[in-house]
Amino acid sequence: MKQYAKLLKYKNNCAVAYARNGACGACGFVIRPQVRIEIQQRNKINYCENCGRILMEKFEDL
């Protein structure tokens, strides 16, 4: 929770970014293949290596 609050403060109220086409949706940094797999598995919190925002995939409607 503290990390999220810190990100909100320093990233203009945008602490979470969606992974789009293999890149961070906020800064455009290309995400490494291993990190892409980890994001898809949703077992841990992943951060963009460039901007530090929390990365996640959009949820697909079932």
Protein backbone atom coordinates (compact mmCIF):
# COMPACT_ATOMS: atom_id res chain seq x y z
CA MET A 1 0.00 0.00 0.00
CA LYS A 2 2.86 2.36 0.81
CA GLN A 3 4.49 1.70 -2.58
CA TYR A 4 1.20 2.43 -4.36
CA ALA A 5 0.73 5.69 -2.44
CA LYS A 6 4.29 6.72 -3.29
CA LEU A 7 3.71 5.99 -6.98
CA LEU A 8 0.52 8.07 -6.96
CA LYS A 9 2.39 10.98 -5.47
CA TYR A 10 5.34 10.95 -7.87
CA LYS A 11 3.67 9.76 -11.10
CA ASN A 12 0.88 12.36 -11.46
CA ASN A 13 -1.83 10.11 -9.96
CA CYS A 14 -1.08 7.35 -12.48
CA ALA A 15 0.46 4.45 -10.57
CA VAL A 16 -0.76 1.60 -12.79
CA ALA A 17 -0.11 1.10 -16.50
CA TYR A 18 -1.47 -1.52 -18.87
CA ALA A 19 0.93 -3.58 -20.94
CA ARG A 20 0.10 -2.85 -24.58
CA ASN A 21 1.66 -4.76 -27.47
CA GLY A 22 4.63 -5.77 -25.34
CA ALA A 23 5.34 -2.27 -24.03
CA CYS A 24 4.42 -0.16 -21.01
CA GLY A 25 1.28 1.82 -21.75
CA ALA A 26 2.59 4.84 -19.83
CA CYS A 27 6.16 5.30 -21.08
CA GLY A 28 6.39 2.95 -24.08
CA PHE A 29 9.34 0.98 -22.72
CA VAL A 30 9.54 -2.51 -24.28
CA ILE A 31 8.85 -5.19 -21.68
CA ARG A 32 11.22 -8.15 -21.56
CA PRO A 33 9.67 -11.52 -22.55
CA GLN A 34 10.10 -13.01 -19.07
CA VAL A 35 8.31 -10.08 -17.47
CA ARG A 36 5.47 -10.42 -20.01
CA ILE A 37 5.00 -14.03 -18.90
CA GLU A 38 4.99 -13.00 -15.24
CA ILE A 39 2.37 -10.32 -15.93
CA GLN A 40 0.15 -12.90 -17.63
CA GLN A 41 0.51 -15.32 -14.70
CA ARG A 42 -0.56 -12.63 -12.17
CA ASN A 43 1.40 -14.26 -9.33
CA LYS A 44 3.26 -11.14 -8.24
CA ILE A 45 3.33 -7.39 -8.72
CA ASN A 46 5.47 -6.35 -11.69
CA TYR A 47 6.88 -2.89 -12.22
CA CYS A 48 8.00 -1.16 -15.40
CA GLU A 49 11.79 -1.16 -15.49
CA ASN A 50 11.79 2.36 -16.92
CA CYS A 51 9.08 4.43 -15.21
CA GLY A 52 8.42 2.23 -12.15
CA ARG A 53 4.65 1.99 -12.57
CA ILE A 54 2.78 -1.20 -11.73
CA LEU A 55 2.21 -3.22 -14.91
CA MET A 56 -0.86 -5.29 -15.58
CA GLU A 57 -2.79 -6.75 -18.48
CA LYS A 58 -6.30 -5.70 -19.31
CA PHE A 59 -8.87 -8.22 -18.20
CA GLU A 60 -10.71 -9.89 -21.05
CA ASP A 61 -14.48 -10.28 -20.85
CA LEU A 62 -15.53 -13.90 -20.52
